Amino acid sequence: MAKAKPIPGLRADVPYGLAAAATVRVRSSELFDHAEGVLDTEEIERVHAMRVASRRLRAVLEIYAPCFPPAEFRSALRDVKRIADALGARRDPDVQLEGLERFAAALPEADHAGLEAFIAGVRDEQAAGNEVLAAGLQALAGSGLQERLEALAAAAEARVPASDGDDPDDEDEQPEGEDAVTEGVAAAAPPALDGSAVTEVPGAHVNGASAREAASPSVPTAEEGSP
């Protein structure tokens, strides 16, 4: 399966509409990039790659549907589904033939005649599917779908308020890593406790000593001696 292209600049903090625009542009370009040579029945992976691209584009359009003008969105999605169906008409016999040819290679020569008759029927289905795909590609070229998808992306961008599109990197720099942890710990730490911080409560004693004396234990002097 063709590997999906990464979406440049897509991050968790990117506004929804900007993410929609960037993703639609990349997935749209993937679909049309795979169209070249797709009718070649000797290169069946081209059909597979374009079909996968059509399904990715459909998924993206549905995920970001709230970002697009409803009528234009429905029209574009309909055309993406149509080309996906046309690609499927070719892809299904492609897969069957690939499996049958592997199966035939494992059979004794004497059994090939019966299997070849079956394979010939699937080749006819492949040819019919190729005609469906050729018509679908012709309709796609005349539909202006690529330009309409770009218009959807532009509409999604236009709906994003200017403040939401600001670059988060321009904000005040925040501490990261160990510095952030150190600052957080320092801010959360309670003040150090010493004798001066203890408030004397009249009449309060701890084991016969005042609270201040309990908080600041005395050191025996030479005259007092050790116990």
C-alpha atoms as a PDB file:
ATOM      1  CA  MET A   1       0.000   0.000   0.000  1.00  0.00           C
ATOM      2  CA  ALA A   2       1.223   3.475  -0.871  1.00  0.00           C
ATOM      3  CA  LYS A   3       2.514   5.317   2.156  1.00  0.00           C
ATOM      4  CA  ALA A   4       0.610   8.473   3.072  1.00  0.00           C
ATOM      5  CA  LYS A   5       2.525  11.731   2.783  1.00  0.00           C
ATOM      6  CA  PRO A   6       3.036  13.665   6.034  1.00  0.00           C
ATOM      7  CA  ILE A   7       1.043  16.880   6.489  1.00  0.00           C
ATOM      8  CA  PRO A   8       3.500  19.810   6.844  1.00  0.00           C
ATOM      9  CA  GLY A   9       2.988  21.911   9.967  1.00  0.00           C
ATOM     10  CA  LEU A  10       0.216  19.718  11.384  1.00  0.00           C
ATOM     11  CA  ARG A  11       0.382  19.851  15.197  1.00  0.00           C
ATOM     12  CA  ALA A  12      -2.058  19.436  18.044  1.00  0.00           C
ATOM     13  CA  ASP A  13      -2.253  23.216  18.569  1.00  0.00           C
ATOM     14  CA  VAL A  14      -3.088  24.055  14.928  1.00  0.00           C
ATOM     15  CA  PRO A  15      -6.639  25.467  14.548  1.00  0.00           C
ATOM     16  CA  TYR A  16      -9.170  23.005  13.126  1.00  0.00           C
ATOM     17  CA  GLY A  17      -9.767  24.954   9.909  1.00  0.00           C
ATOM     18  CA  LEU A  18      -6.059  25.312   9.131  1.00  0.00           C
ATOM     19  CA  ALA A  19      -5.535  21.602   9.779  1.00  0.00           C
ATOM     20  CA  ALA A  20      -8.413  20.864   7.388  1.00  0.00           C
ATOM     21  CA  ALA A  21      -6.919  23.012   4.640  1.00  0.00           C
ATOM     22  CA  ALA A  22      -3.437  21.537   4.922  1.00  0.00           C
ATOM     23  CA  THR A  23      -4.683  17.952   5.022  1.00  0.00           C
ATOM     24  CA  VAL A  24      -7.092  18.289   2.092  1.00  0.00           C
ATOM     25  CA  ARG A  25      -4.364  19.824  -0.068  1.00  0.00           C
ATOM     26  CA  VAL A  26      -1.928  16.967   0.559  1.00  0.00           C
ATOM     27  CA  ARG A  27      -4.495  14.164   0.197  1.00  0.00           C
ATOM     28  CA  SER A  28      -5.888  15.760  -2.965  1.00  0.00           C
ATOM     29  CA  SER A  29      -2.446  15.974  -4.557  1.00  0.00           C
ATOM     30  CA  GLU A  30      -1.839  12.309  -3.721  1.00  0.00           C
ATOM     31  CA  LEU A  31      -4.990  11.265  -5.587  1.00  0.00           C
ATOM     32  CA  PHE A  32      -4.113  13.111  -8.776  1.00  0.00           C
ATOM     33  CA  ASP A  33      -0.410  12.194  -8.629  1.00  0.00           C
ATOM     34  CA  HIS A  34      -1.346   8.487  -8.871  1.00  0.00           C
ATOM     35  CA  ALA A  35      -3.558   8.950 -11.958  1.00  0.00           C
ATOM     36  CA  GLU A  36      -0.674   8.656 -14.433  1.00  0.00           C
ATOM     37  CA  GLY A  37      -0.457   5.181 -15.981  1.00  0.00           C
ATOM     38  CA  VAL A  38      -3.309   3.836 -13.872  1.00  0.00           C
ATOM     39  CA  LEU A  39      -4.980   2.166 -16.888  1.00  0.00           C
ATOM     40  CA  ASP A  40      -1.949  -0.068 -17.494  1.00  0.00           C
ATOM     41  CA  THR A  41      -3.126  -3.572 -16.561  1.00  0.00           C
ATOM     42  CA  GLU A  42       0.472  -4.739 -16.264  1.00  0.00           C
ATOM     43  CA  GLU A  43       1.075  -2.286 -13.399  1.00  0.00           C
ATOM     44  CA  ILE A  44      -1.767  -3.128 -11.039  1.00  0.00           C
ATOM     45  CA  GLU A  45      -0.188  -1.403  -8.035  1.00  0.00           C
ATOM     46  CA  ARG A  46      -0.934   1.968  -9.631  1.00  0.00           C
ATOM     47  CA  VAL A  47      -4.658   1.296  -9.348  1.00  0.00           C
ATOM     48  CA  HIS A  48      -4.194   0.146  -5.777  1.00  0.00           C
ATOM     49  CA  ALA A  49      -2.242   3.286  -4.838  1.00  0.00           C
ATOM     50  CA  MET A  50      -4.816   5.611  -6.386  1.00  0.00           C
ATOM     51  CA  ARG A  51      -7.711   3.758  -4.780  1.00  0.00           C
ATOM     52  CA  VAL A  52      -6.072   4.030  -1.350  1.00  0.00           C
ATOM     53  CA  ALA A  53      -5.484   7.742  -1.984  1.00  0.00           C
ATOM     54  CA  SER A  54      -9.174   8.205  -2.862  1.00  0.00           C
ATOM     55  CA  ARG A  55     -10.239   6.528   0.382  1.00  0.00           C
ATOM     56  CA  ARG A  56      -7.872   8.690   2.417  1.00  0.00           C
ATOM     57  CA  LEU A  57      -9.213  11.822   0.742  1.00  0.00           C
ATOM     58  CA  ARG A  58     -12.805  10.754   1.393  1.00  0.00           C
ATOM     59  CA  ALA A  59     -12.017  10.161   5.075  1.00  0.00           C
ATOM     60  CA  VAL A  60     -10.367  13.586   5.406  1.00  0.00           C
ATOM     61  CA  LEU A  61     -13.324  15.351   3.802  1.00  0.00           C
ATOM     62  CA  GLU A  62     -15.747  13.630   6.162  1.00  0.00           C
ATOM     63  CA  ILE A  63     -13.629  14.335   9.251  1.00  0.00           C
ATOM     64  CA  TYR A  64     -13.344  18.051   8.464  1.00  0.00           C
ATOM     65  CA  ALA A  65     -16.857  18.457   7.005  1.00  0.00           C
ATOM     66  CA  PRO A  66     -17.856  21.296   9.430  1.00  0.00           C
ATOM     67  CA  CYS A  67     -15.071  23.470   7.955  1.00  0.00           C
ATOM     68  CA  PHE A  68     -16.489  23.496   4.407  1.00  0.00           C
ATOM     69  CA  PRO A  69     -19.461  25.147   2.679  1.00  0.00           C
ATOM     70  CA  PRO A  70     -22.115  22.377   2.743  1.00  0.00           C
ATOM     71  CA  ALA A  71     -23.144  22.328  -0.930  1.00  0.00           C
ATOM     72  CA  GLU A  72     -19.583  22.420  -2.274  1.00  0.00           C
ATOM     73  CA  PHE A  73     -18.524  19.796   0.248  1.00  0.00           C
ATOM     74  CA  ARG A  74     -21.288  17.370  -0.770  1.00  0.00           C
ATOM     75  CA  SER A  75     -20.506  17.815  -4.468  1.00  0.00           C
ATOM     76  CA  ALA A  76     -16.774  17.169  -3.992  1.00  0.00           C
ATOM     77  CA  LEU A  77     -17.379  14.172  -1.738  1.00  0.00           C
ATOM     78  CA  ARG A  78     -19.762  12.669  -4.298  1.00  0.00           C
ATOM     79  CA  ASP A  79     -17.119  12.889  -7.039  1.00  0.00           C
ATOM     80  CA  VAL A  80     -14.428  11.391  -4.785  1.00  0.00           C
ATOM     81  CA  LYS A  81     -16.748   8.440  -4.080  1.00  0.00           C
ATOM     82  CA  ARG A  82     -17.403   7.990  -7.806  1.00  0.00           C
ATOM     83  CA  ILE A  83     -13.735   7.734  -8.731  1.00  0.00           C
ATOM     84  CA  ALA A  84     -13.189   5.367  -5.796  1.00  0.00           C
ATOM     85  CA  ASP A  85     -15.954   3.110  -7.155  1.00  0.00           C
ATOM     86  CA  ALA A  86     -14.419   3.190 -10.638  1.00  0.00           C
ATOM     87  CA  LEU A  87     -11.038   2.239  -9.225  1.00  0.00           C
ATOM     88  CA  GLY A  88     -12.685  -0.619  -7.335  1.00  0.00           C
ATOM     89  CA  ALA A  89     -14.175  -1.978 -10.571  1.00  0.00           C
ATOM     90  CA  ARG A  90     -10.607  -2.455 -11.831  1.00  0.00           C
ATOM     91  CA  ARG A  91      -8.971  -3.394  -8.557  1.00  0.00           C
ATOM     92  CA  ASP A  92     -11.184  -6.389  -7.738  1.00  0.00           C
ATOM     93  CA  PRO A  93     -10.299  -8.461 -10.865  1.00  0.00           C
ATOM     94  CA  ASP A  94      -6.662  -7.333 -10.508  1.00  0.00           C
ATOM     95  CA  VAL A  95      -6.514  -8.998  -7.096  1.00  0.00           C
ATOM     96  CA  GLN A  96      -8.288 -12.123  -8.350  1.00  0.00           C
ATOM     97  CA  LEU A  97      -5.882 -12.521 -11.245  1.00  0.00           C
ATOM     98  CA  GLU A  98      -2.852 -12.077  -9.030  1.00  0.00           C
ATOM     99  CA  GLY A  99      -4.071 -14.856  -6.731  1.00  0.00           C
ATOM    100  CA  LEU A 100      -5.034 -17.161  -9.587  1.00  0.00           C
ATOM    101  CA  GLU A 101      -1.643 -16.803 -11.253  1.00  0.00           C
ATOM    102  CA  ARG A 102       0.109 -17.737  -8.007  1.00  0.00           C
ATOM    103  CA  PHE A 103      -2.223 -20.712  -7.659  1.00  0.00           C
ATOM    104  CA  ALA A 104      -1.558 -21.816 -11.243  1.00  0.00           C
ATOM    105  CA  ALA A 105       2.196 -21.756 -10.654  1.00  0.00           C
ATOM    106  CA  ALA A 106       1.755 -24.310  -7.862  1.00  0.00           C
ATOM    107  CA  LEU A 107      -0.407 -26.714  -9.933  1.00  0.00           C
ATOM    108  CA  PRO A 108       0.809 -29.569 -12.111  1.00  0.00           C
ATOM    109  CA  GLU A 109       0.950 -28.753 -15.814  1.00  0.00           C
ATOM    110  CA  ALA A 110      -1.930 -31.141 -16.518  1.00  0.00           C
ATOM    111  CA  ASP A 111      -4.313 -28.997 -14.441  1.00  0.00           C
ATOM    112  CA  HIS A 112      -3.507 -25.697 -16.100  1.00  0.00           C
ATOM    113  CA  ALA A 113      -6.013 -25.990 -18.943  1.00  0.00           C
ATOM    114  CA  GLY A 114      -9.086 -25.835 -16.717  1.00  0.00           C
ATOM    115  CA  LEU A 115      -7.685 -23.013 -14.617  1.00  0.00           C
ATOM    116  CA  GLU A 116      -6.691 -20.990 -17.682  1.00  0.00           C
ATOM    117  CA  ALA A 117     -10.295 -20.993 -18.848  1.00  0.00           C
ATOM    118  CA  PHE A 118     -11.326 -19.513 -15.522  1.00  0.00           C
ATOM    119  CA  ILE A 119      -8.504 -16.956 -15.636  1.00  0.00           C
ATOM    120  CA  ALA A 120      -9.636 -15.870 -19.112  1.00  0.00           C
ATOM    121  CA  GLY A 121     -13.044 -14.993 -17.687  1.00  0.00           C
ATOM    122  CA  VAL A 122     -11.468 -12.864 -14.946  1.00  0.00           C
ATOM    123  CA  ARG A 123      -9.335 -11.101 -17.570  1.00  0.00           C
ATOM    124  CA  ASP A 124     -12.549 -10.136 -19.349  1.00  0.00           C
ATOM    125  CA  GLU A 125     -13.782  -8.655 -16.053  1.00  0.00           C
ATOM    126  CA  GLN A 126     -10.519  -6.756 -15.726  1.00  0.00           C
ATOM    127  CA  ALA A 127     -10.924  -5.297 -19.213  1.00  0.00           C
ATOM    128  CA  ALA A 128     -14.498  -4.258 -18.432  1.00  0.00           C
ATOM    129  CA  GLY A 129     -13.320  -2.699 -15.171  1.00  0.00           C
ATOM    130  CA  ASN A 130     -10.657  -0.798 -17.073  1.00  0.00           C
ATOM    131  CA  GLU A 131     -13.330   0.694 -19.317  1.00  0.00           C
ATOM    132  CA  VAL A 132     -15.279   1.807 -16.254  1.00  0.00           C
ATOM    133  CA  LEU A 133     -12.120   3.350 -14.835  1.00  0.00           C
ATOM    134  CA  ALA A 134     -11.280   5.116 -18.108  1.00  0.00           C
ATOM    135  CA  ALA A 135     -14.741   6.691 -18.129  1.00  0.00           C
ATOM    136  CA  GLY A 136     -14.336   7.664 -14.473  1.00  0.00           C
ATOM    137  CA  LEU A 137     -11.002   9.337 -15.136  1.00  0.00           C
ATOM    138  CA  GLN A 138     -12.463  11.239 -18.062  1.00  0.00           C
ATOM    139  CA  ALA A 139     -15.334  12.458 -15.900  1.00  0.00           C
ATOM    140  CA  LEU A 140     -12.857  13.376 -13.161  1.00  0.00           C
ATOM    141  CA  ALA A 141     -10.801  15.483 -15.575  1.00  0.00           C
ATOM    142  CA  GLY A 142     -13.883  17.375 -16.713  1.00  0.00           C
ATOM    143  CA  SER A 143     -15.316  17.881 -13.227  1.00  0.00           C
ATOM    144  CA  GLY A 144     -12.721  20.367 -12.034  1.00  0.00           C
ATOM    145  CA  LEU A 145     -12.485  18.357  -8.810  1.00  0.00           C
ATOM    146  CA  GLN A 146      -8.887  19.330  -8.092  1.00  0.00           C
ATOM    147  CA  GLU A 147      -9.744  23.045  -8.270  1.00  0.00           C
ATOM    148  CA  ARG A 148     -12.906  22.527  -6.199  1.00  0.00           C
ATOM    149  CA  LEU A 149     -10.925  20.762  -3.499  1.00  0.00           C
ATOM    150  CA  GLU A 150      -8.520  23.689  -3.389  1.00  0.00           C
ATOM    151  CA  ALA A 151     -11.532  26.006  -3.020  1.00  0.00           C
ATOM    152  CA  LEU A 152     -12.712  23.930  -0.050  1.00  0.00           C
ATOM    153  CA  ALA A 153      -9.275  24.241   1.554  1.00  0.00           C
ATOM    154  CA  ALA A 154      -9.296  28.009   1.024  1.00  0.00           C
ATOM    155  CA  ALA A 155     -12.786  28.267   2.522  1.00  0.00           C
ATOM    156  CA  ALA A 156     -11.669  26.335   5.605  1.00  0.00           C
ATOM    157  CA  GLU A 157      -8.748  28.752   6.065  1.00  0.00           C
ATOM    158  CA  ALA A 158     -10.969  31.782   5.645  1.00  0.00           C
ATOM    159  CA  ARG A 159     -13.254  30.653   8.465  1.00  0.00           C
ATOM    160  CA  VAL A 160     -10.425  30.656  11.017  1.00  0.00           C
ATOM    161  CA  PRO A 161     -10.389  33.872  13.126  1.00  0.00           C
ATOM    162  CA  ALA A 162      -7.148  35.806  12.778  1.00  0.00           C
ATOM    163  CA  SER A 163      -6.290  35.358  16.468  1.00  0.00           C
ATOM    164  CA  ASP A 164      -6.611  31.555  16.137  1.00  0.00           C
ATOM    165  CA  GLY A 165      -4.124  31.531  13.318  1.00  0.00           C
ATOM    166  CA  ASP A 166      -1.332  33.217  15.291  1.00  0.00           C
ATOM    167  CA  ASP A 167       1.883  31.276  15.516  1.00  0.00           C
ATOM    168  CA  PRO A 168       2.117  29.780  19.017  1.00  0.00           C
ATOM    169  CA  ASP A 169       5.917  30.077  18.772  1.00  0.00           C
ATOM    170  CA  ASP A 170       5.553  33.869  18.983  1.00  0.00           C
ATOM    171  CA  GLU A 171       4.166  33.698  22.515  1.00  0.00           C
ATOM    172  CA  ASP A 172       6.338  34.299  25.581  1.00  0.00           C
ATOM    173  CA  GLU A 173       8.824  31.526  25.973  1.00  0.00           C
ATOM    174  CA  GLN A 174       7.920  29.106  28.725  1.00  0.00           C
ATOM    175  CA  PRO A 175      10.417  27.019  30.705  1.00  0.00           C
ATOM    176  CA  GLU A 176      10.859  23.488  29.422  1.00  0.00           C
ATOM    177  CA  GLY A 177      12.328  20.256  30.686  1.00  0.00           C
ATOM    178  CA  GLU A 178      14.318  20.353  33.922  1.00  0.00           C
ATOM    179  CA  ASP A 179      14.003  24.153  34.195  1.00  0.00           C
ATOM    180  CA  ALA A 180      10.209  23.870  34.221  1.00  0.00           C
ATOM    181  CA  VAL A 181      10.353  21.173  36.887  1.00  0.00           C
ATOM    182  CA  THR A 182      12.770  23.185  39.029  1.00  0.00           C
ATOM    183  CA  GLU A 183      10.658  26.332  38.835  1.00  0.00           C
ATOM    184  CA  GLY A 184       7.501  24.382  39.578  1.00  0.00           C
ATOM    185  CA  VAL A 185       8.999  22.740  42.641  1.00  0.00           C
ATOM    186  CA  ALA A 186      10.379  26.056  43.933  1.00  0.00           C
ATOM    187  CA  ALA A 187       7.006  27.751  43.503  1.00  0.00           C
ATOM    188  CA  ALA A 188       5.133  24.958  45.254  1.00  0.00           C
ATOM    189  CA  ALA A 189       7.576  24.492  48.171  1.00  0.00           C
ATOM    190  CA  PRO A 190       6.357  25.770  51.582  1.00  0.00           C
ATOM    191  CA  PRO A 191       8.422  28.466  53.349  1.00  0.00           C
ATOM    192  CA  ALA A 192      11.222  27.223  55.579  1.00  0.00           C
ATOM    193  CA  LEU A 193      10.253  26.919  59.230  1.00  0.00           C
ATOM    194  CA  ASP A 194      12.492  28.538  61.844  1.00  0.00           C
ATOM    195  CA  GLY A 195      11.994  29.821  65.315  1.00  0.00           C
ATOM    196  CA  SER A 196      11.073  33.337  64.174  1.00  0.00           C
ATOM    197  CA  ALA A 197       8.177  31.995  62.173  1.00  0.00           C
ATOM    198  CA  VAL A 198       6.416  30.541  65.197  1.00  0.00           C
ATOM    199  CA  THR A 199       3.772  32.768  66.727  1.00  0.00           C
ATOM    200  CA  GLU A 200       3.692  32.773  70.480  1.00  0.00           C
ATOM    201  CA  VAL A 201       0.286  31.915  71.822  1.00  0.00           C
ATOM    202  CA  PRO A 202      -0.142  33.161  75.413  1.00  0.00           C
ATOM    203  CA  GLY A 203      -0.365  30.304  77.814  1.00  0.00           C
ATOM    204  CA  ALA A 204       0.518  27.630  75.208  1.00  0.00           C
ATOM    205  CA  HIS A 205       3.280  25.241  76.310  1.00  0.00           C
ATOM    206  CA  VAL A 206       4.693  22.033  74.908  1.00  0.00           C
ATOM    207  CA  ASN A 207       5.879  19.695  77.633  1.00  0.00           C
ATOM    208  CA  GLY A 208       6.344  22.662  79.939  1.00  0.00           C
ATOM    209  CA  ALA A 209       8.068  24.892  77.308  1.00  0.00           C
ATOM    210  CA  SER A 210       6.604  27.682  75.250  1.00  0.00           C
ATOM    211  CA  ALA A 211       5.907  27.113  71.557  1.00  0.00           C
ATOM    212  CA  ARG A 212       8.828  29.383  70.597  1.00  0.00           C
ATOM    213  CA  GLU A 213      11.186  27.406  72.803  1.00  0.00           C
ATOM    214  CA  ALA A 214       9.895  24.129  71.340  1.00  0.00           C
ATOM    215  CA  ALA A 215      10.535  25.365  67.834  1.00  0.00           C
ATOM    216  CA  SER A 216      14.052  26.595  68.727  1.00  0.00           C
ATOM    217  CA  PRO A 217      15.644  23.982  70.954  1.00  0.00           C
ATOM    218  CA  SER A 218      18.490  25.398  73.038  1.00  0.00           C
ATOM    219  CA  VAL A 219      22.049  24.117  73.037  1.00  0.00           C
ATOM    220  CA  PRO A 220      23.444  23.358  76.526  1.00  0.00           C
ATOM    221  CA  THR A 221      26.097  25.801  77.714  1.00  0.00           C
ATOM    222  CA  ALA A 222      29.303  24.816  79.366  1.00  0.00           C
ATOM    223  CA  GLU A 223      27.901  25.862  82.740  1.00  0.00           C
ATOM    224  CA  GLU A 224      24.837  23.655  82.337  1.00  0.00           C
ATOM    225  CA  GLY A 225      26.930  20.643  81.420  1.00  0.00           C
ATOM    226  CA  SER A 226      25.693  17.489  79.829  1.00  0.00           C
ATOM    227  CA  PRO A 227      22.823  15.524  81.413  1.00  0.00           C
END
